[in-house]
Protein backbone atom coordinates (compact mmCIF):
# COMPACT_ATOMS: atom_id res chain seq x y z
CA MET A 1 49.81 23.82 -59.67
CA LYS A 2 47.40 26.79 -59.96
CA LYS A 3 44.39 24.46 -59.63
CA ILE A 4 45.82 22.91 -56.45
CA ILE A 5 46.47 26.33 -54.88
CA LEU A 6 42.95 27.47 -55.82
CA SER A 7 41.38 24.40 -54.24
CA PHE A 8 43.36 24.91 -51.05
CA GLY A 9 42.26 28.52 -50.97
CA LEU A 10 38.61 27.52 -51.22
CA MET A 11 39.01 25.12 -48.32
CA LEU A 12 40.20 27.83 -45.93
CA PRO A 13 36.82 29.59 -45.48
CA LEU A 14 35.13 26.24 -44.91
CA THR A 15 37.57 25.06 -42.26
CA SER A 16 37.43 28.43 -40.51
CA PHE A 17 33.72 27.84 -39.74
CA ALA A 18 34.16 24.27 -38.46
CA VAL A 19 34.09 25.49 -34.83
CA ASP A 20 31.86 24.90 -31.84
CA ASN A 21 29.15 27.26 -30.56
CA SER A 22 31.39 29.15 -28.13
CA GLU A 23 34.09 29.82 -30.75
CA LEU A 24 31.40 30.91 -33.20
CA ALA A 25 30.02 33.35 -30.61
CA ASN A 26 33.51 34.75 -30.00
CA PHE A 27 33.95 35.20 -33.73
CA TYR A 28 30.72 37.16 -34.28
CA PHE A 29 29.96 38.92 -30.97
CA SER A 30 31.71 41.73 -29.15
CA LYS A 31 34.09 40.74 -26.35
CA SER A 32 32.91 43.65 -24.22
CA ILE A 33 30.97 42.09 -21.31
CA PRO A 34 29.26 44.44 -18.80
CA ALA A 35 29.76 43.92 -15.06
CA LEU A 36 26.80 42.30 -13.30
CA SER A 37 25.26 43.56 -10.08
CA ASN A 38 24.55 41.29 -7.10
CA GLN A 39 20.85 41.37 -7.94
CA GLU A 40 21.54 40.31 -11.52
CA LYS A 41 23.85 37.51 -10.35
CA GLN A 42 21.19 36.27 -7.93
CA ALA A 43 18.57 36.34 -10.68
CA LEU A 44 20.89 34.42 -13.01
CA SER A 45 21.47 31.83 -10.29
CA ILE A 46 17.72 31.31 -9.96
CA ALA A 47 17.37 31.07 -13.75
CA GLU A 48 20.18 28.52 -13.89
CA GLU A 49 18.49 26.35 -11.27
CA TRP A 50 15.22 26.56 -13.20
CA GLN A 51 16.95 25.60 -16.45
CA LYS A 52 18.55 22.58 -14.81
CA GLY A 53 15.24 21.42 -13.37
CA ASP A 54 17.03 18.42 -11.81
CA LYS A 55 14.90 18.33 -8.66
CA THR A 56 11.50 19.11 -10.14
CA SER A 57 11.35 18.09 -13.80
CA LYS A 58 12.35 14.44 -13.54
CA PRO A 59 11.00 12.41 -16.48
CA PHE A 60 9.03 9.22 -16.04
CA HIS A 61 7.91 6.37 -18.29
CA SER A 62 4.35 6.91 -19.54
CA SER A 63 1.94 4.07 -20.38
CA ASP A 64 2.10 4.96 -24.09
CA GLY A 65 5.89 4.57 -24.15
CA SER A 66 6.66 8.28 -24.19
CA VAL A 67 9.11 10.15 -21.99
CA SER A 68 6.68 12.14 -19.85
CA PHE A 69 7.22 15.31 -17.80
CA VAL A 70 5.04 17.14 -15.30
CA TYR A 71 4.13 20.50 -16.83
CA GLY A 72 5.32 23.52 -14.85
CA SER A 73 8.17 21.70 -13.10
CA GLY A 74 10.94 23.62 -14.87
CA GLN A 75 12.56 23.93 -18.27
CA ILE A 76 12.13 20.64 -20.11
CA ARG A 77 15.28 19.20 -21.65
CA VAL A 78 14.88 17.29 -24.91
CA VAL A 79 17.74 15.49 -26.67
CA CYS A 80 17.47 14.99 -30.44
CA ALA A 81 19.74 13.64 -33.18
CA PRO A 82 20.25 14.42 -36.88
CA LEU A 83 18.39 12.13 -39.29
CA GLN A 84 15.91 11.36 -36.45
CA ILE A 85 12.66 13.03 -35.34
CA CYS A 86 11.74 14.05 -31.80
CA ASP A 87 7.95 14.16 -31.34
CA ILE A 88 6.66 16.45 -28.55
CA ALA A 89 2.92 15.93 -27.99
CA LEU A 90 0.91 18.80 -26.52
CA GLN A 91 -2.41 18.40 -24.70
CA SER A 92 -5.47 17.27 -26.65
CA GLY A 93 -7.60 20.24 -27.72
CA GLU A 94 -4.73 22.70 -27.18
CA GLN A 95 -4.28 25.28 -29.95
CA LEU A 96 -0.83 26.44 -31.03
CA ASN A 97 -0.27 30.22 -31.03
CA ASP A 98 3.44 30.63 -31.75
CA MET A 99 6.85 29.03 -31.32
CA ASN A 100 10.37 30.47 -31.35
CA VAL A 101 13.65 28.55 -31.38
CA GLY A 102 16.98 30.16 -30.52
CA ASP A 103 19.11 28.26 -33.06
CA PRO A 104 17.63 27.94 -36.57
CA ARG A 105 19.66 24.77 -37.04
CA PHE A 106 16.85 23.11 -35.09
CA LEU A 107 13.94 22.65 -37.48
CA VAL A 108 10.60 22.69 -35.58
CA GLU A 109 7.44 21.80 -37.50
CA PRO A 110 3.87 21.35 -36.18
CA SER A 111 1.76 18.31 -37.01
CA ILE A 112 -1.87 17.54 -36.12
CA THR A 113 -3.68 14.32 -35.22
CA GLY A 114 -7.40 13.87 -34.50
CA SER A 115 -10.12 16.51 -34.82
CA GLY A 116 -12.32 18.71 -32.64
CA MET A 117 -11.64 18.47 -28.91
CA GLU A 118 -9.54 15.35 -29.58
CA GLN A 119 -7.25 17.23 -31.96
CA GLN A 120 -3.66 17.08 -30.76
CA ILE A 121 -0.67 19.14 -31.88
CA HIS A 122 2.73 17.47 -32.17
CA LEU A 123 6.01 19.40 -32.50
CA LEU A 124 8.42 17.54 -34.78
CA ILE A 125 12.02 18.54 -34.05
CA LYS A 126 14.94 17.79 -36.38
CA PRO A 127 18.46 19.13 -35.67
CA LYS A 128 20.74 19.75 -38.63
CA ASP A 129 23.97 19.20 -36.70
CA VAL A 130 25.34 17.63 -33.52
CA GLY A 131 26.52 19.52 -30.43
CA LEU A 132 23.74 22.12 -30.65
CA ASP A 133 22.29 23.61 -27.47
CA THR A 134 19.46 26.16 -27.55
CA SER A 135 16.07 27.07 -26.13
CA LEU A 136 12.57 26.73 -27.57
CA VAL A 137 9.48 28.64 -26.40
CA VAL A 138 6.04 27.42 -27.47
CA THR A 139 2.86 29.38 -26.68
CA THR A 140 -0.66 27.94 -26.90
CA ASP A 141 -4.16 29.05 -25.96
CA ARG A 142 -3.66 27.39 -22.55
CA ARG A 143 -0.05 27.77 -21.45
CA THR A 144 3.60 28.45 -22.36
CA TYR A 145 6.19 25.68 -22.77
CA HIS A 146 9.91 26.23 -22.20
CA PHE A 147 12.32 23.68 -23.68
CA ARG A 148 16.06 23.21 -23.74
CA LEU A 149 17.06 21.45 -26.96
CA LYS A 150 20.30 19.54 -27.38
CA SER A 151 21.53 17.49 -30.32
CA ASP A 152 23.55 14.30 -30.02
CA GLN A 153 25.09 12.18 -32.74
CA ASN A 154 23.13 9.03 -31.81
CA GLU A 155 21.02 9.50 -28.67
CA PHE A 156 17.53 11.04 -28.98
CA MET A 157 14.05 11.05 -27.41
CA PRO A 158 11.56 9.79 -30.00
CA TYR A 159 8.38 10.72 -28.11
CA VAL A 160 7.83 13.29 -25.35
CA SER A 161 4.54 14.04 -23.55
CA PHE A 162 3.20 15.88 -20.48
CA THR A 163 0.93 15.44 -17.51
CA TYR A 164 -0.97 18.48 -16.23
CA PRO A 165 -1.55 18.58 -12.43
CA ASP A 166 -3.45 21.88 -12.60
CA ASP A 167 -5.97 20.33 -14.99
CA ALA A 168 -6.46 17.39 -12.63
CA LYS A 169 -7.10 19.83 -9.77
CA ALA A 170 -9.56 21.76 -11.96
CA LYS A 171 -11.45 18.55 -12.72
CA TRP A 172 -11.70 17.77 -9.01
CA ARG A 173 -12.96 21.30 -8.34
CA LEU A 174 -15.54 20.90 -11.12
CA ILE A 175 -16.72 17.58 -9.68
CA GLN A 176 -16.98 19.11 -6.21
CA HIS A 177 -18.91 22.08 -7.63
CA MET A 178 -21.32 19.80 -9.48
CA GLN A 179 -21.84 17.69 -6.35
CA ALA A 180 -22.51 20.84 -4.31
CA GLN A 181 -25.00 22.08 -6.92
CA GLN A 182 -26.72 18.69 -6.99
CA ARG A 183 -26.92 18.62 -3.20
CA LYS A 184 -28.34 22.15 -3.16
CA ALA A 185 -30.96 21.24 -5.77
CA ASN A 186 -31.99 18.23 -3.65
CA THR A 187 -32.15 20.04 -0.32
CA PHE A 188 -35.26 21.46 1.33
CA THR A 189 -34.48 25.18 1.54
CA GLU A 190 -36.72 25.78 4.56
CA THR A 191 -35.17 22.98 6.65
CA ASN A 192 -31.79 22.47 4.93
CA GLU A 193 -32.45 18.72 4.78
CA TYR A 194 -30.78 16.75 1.98
CA LEU A 195 -33.08 14.32 0.19
CA GLY A 196 -30.35 11.69 -0.02
CA ASP A 197 -30.30 11.47 3.79
CA LEU A 198 -34.07 11.03 4.10
CA ASN A 199 -36.36 7.99 3.99
CA PHE A 200 -39.77 8.60 2.38
CA ASN A 201 -40.96 4.99 2.50
CA TYR A 202 -44.25 5.54 4.33
CA ARG A 203 -47.82 4.53 3.54
CA ILE A 204 -50.55 7.02 4.48
CA GLN A 205 -54.12 5.67 4.84
CA GLY A 206 -57.30 7.68 5.34
CA ASN A 207 -59.16 10.52 3.64
CA SER A 208 -59.44 13.08 6.38
CA ARG A 209 -58.95 16.78 5.72
CA PHE A 210 -55.70 16.67 7.73
CA LYS A 211 -54.09 13.91 5.66
CA PRO A 212 -50.30 14.56 5.61
CA VAL A 213 -48.64 15.80 2.45
CA ARG A 214 -45.55 13.64 3.10
CA VAL A 215 -43.84 11.71 5.86
CA TYR A 216 -40.11 11.01 6.12
CA ASN A 217 -37.32 10.40 8.62
CA ASN A 218 -33.63 11.25 8.79
CA GLY A 219 -32.68 8.20 10.85
CA VAL A 220 -33.23 10.05 14.13
CA LYS A 221 -36.42 12.06 13.81
CA THR A 222 -39.66 11.62 11.87
CA ILE A 223 -41.18 14.61 10.09
CA ILE A 224 -44.87 14.70 9.20
CA GLU A 225 -45.75 17.52 6.80
CA MET A 226 -49.39 18.56 7.04
CA PRO A 227 -51.47 20.54 4.52
CA GLY A 228 -51.33 24.32 4.84
CA SER A 229 -54.99 24.45 5.83
CA MET A 230 -54.14 22.87 9.18
CA SER A 231 -52.87 26.23 10.45
CA GLU A 232 -56.48 27.45 10.45
CA SER A 233 -57.98 24.42 12.19
CA GLU A 234 -57.49 22.09 15.13
CA ALA A 235 -54.28 20.03 15.03
CA PRO A 236 -54.82 16.27 15.39
CA ALA A 237 -53.20 14.30 18.19
CA LEU A 238 -50.36 11.97 17.32
CA LEU A 239 -50.17 8.49 18.85
CA VAL A 240 -47.61 5.80 18.09
CA LEU A 241 -48.90 2.23 17.84
CA ARG A 242 -46.67 -0.42 19.34
CA ASN A 243 -47.18 -4.11 18.64
CA GLY A 244 -48.70 -5.84 21.66
CA GLY A 245 -47.91 -9.39 20.50
CA LEU A 246 -49.89 -12.22 18.86
CA PHE A 247 -52.88 -12.04 21.17
CA LYS A 248 -52.91 -8.36 22.06
CA LYS A 249 -54.06 -5.29 20.20
CA PRO A 250 -51.48 -2.64 19.30
CA GLU A 251 -50.88 -0.26 22.17
CA SER A 252 -51.31 3.49 21.63
CA VAL A 253 -48.62 5.54 23.35
CA MET A 254 -47.72 9.20 23.49
CA VAL A 255 -44.33 10.24 22.10
CA ASN A 256 -42.35 13.44 22.25
CA TYR A 257 -43.15 15.70 19.33
CA ARG A 258 -43.58 19.36 18.60
CA LEU A 259 -45.32 21.41 15.97
CA GLN A 260 -43.33 23.75 13.74
CA GLY A 261 -45.79 25.51 11.49
CA CYS A 262 -47.50 22.71 9.60
CA ARG A 263 -44.91 20.08 10.50
CA TYR A 264 -44.83 17.49 13.24
CA ILE A 265 -41.29 16.86 14.46
CA VAL A 266 -41.24 13.48 16.23
CA ASP A 267 -38.16 12.67 18.32
CA SER A 268 -38.05 9.03 17.17
CA VAL A 269 -38.48 6.80 14.14
CA PHE A 270 -41.73 4.84 14.51
CA ASP A 271 -43.15 1.92 12.53
CA LYS A 272 -46.80 2.90 12.83
CA ALA A 273 -48.69 5.92 14.13
CA ILE A 274 -52.13 7.54 13.93
CA LEU A 275 -53.35 11.11 13.74
CA ILE A 276 -56.80 11.49 15.34
CA ILE A 277 -59.40 14.17 16.02
CA GLY A 278 -62.59 13.57 17.97
CA SER A 279 -63.97 10.34 19.41
CA GLY A 280 -66.59 7.71 18.81
CA SER A 281 -68.50 7.86 15.52
CA SER A 282 -67.27 11.39 14.79
CA GLN A 283 -63.61 10.47 15.10
CA GLU A 284 -61.32 11.18 12.13
CA LYS A 285 -58.17 9.13 11.78
CA ILE A 286 -55.12 8.90 9.54
CA THR A 287 -52.80 5.87 9.78
CA ILE A 288 -49.09 6.23 8.96
CA THR A 289 -47.06 3.05 8.39
CA ARG A 290 -43.33 2.80 7.70
CA CYS A 291 -42.74 0.41 4.79
């Protein structure tokens, strides 16, 4: 009889702790609850909405089979189960700084796959009981994650991952910056003309002292760049040659152009033109042909 009474006595402490979280809190914590101000109530209401995350943190099915969330959309809710493992994958290359879980009955262990920039940290979560509900905060070298952890007897999320919209925006900004730098590097600073918009397919024939340095067009105007020495000498005349037909010689015509420093700005795109100085045997000529 003494042994039976002793056994029953040992069972009492055990059964007294077989209570849920709220009863456990009432058992350990003071029942004195301070009154909350309107500001505090409003702040708690905002926090409650953020914790729910129903409107913003909706999960979606990722291509790798994971339950994926958009980072920054609210507190992420993860459901785990005893005797099962929930795997939360962080971003590749992200370094773990610290993690803190509210209820120690959730075991959270880090695991690593890959190496270098492809190294990826996984948080392996294992609850020791069912009916648990707590928060988990994970800090890395890039961001802070806020989780709400719950434990169910059977249901659990085996694999959880994230998408990062801010990183996608940063990549677009980087691409735009690189494109702007490339455009700047390929733009004539004195004229602000982008090389990609210009056509340099011209053949220049002749050996005169005023032979152009380059000829190009932008689809509307033709630019003839002359050597710097031309500023100290007579500028040649520009004539455009137009095809006269099978039995006629090309016709020389005047076109609208102006001189800007050592550059001829022609208000058209021609197929063939000549630069000439003098006449007769003393005439000097350069022929420009669009290829």
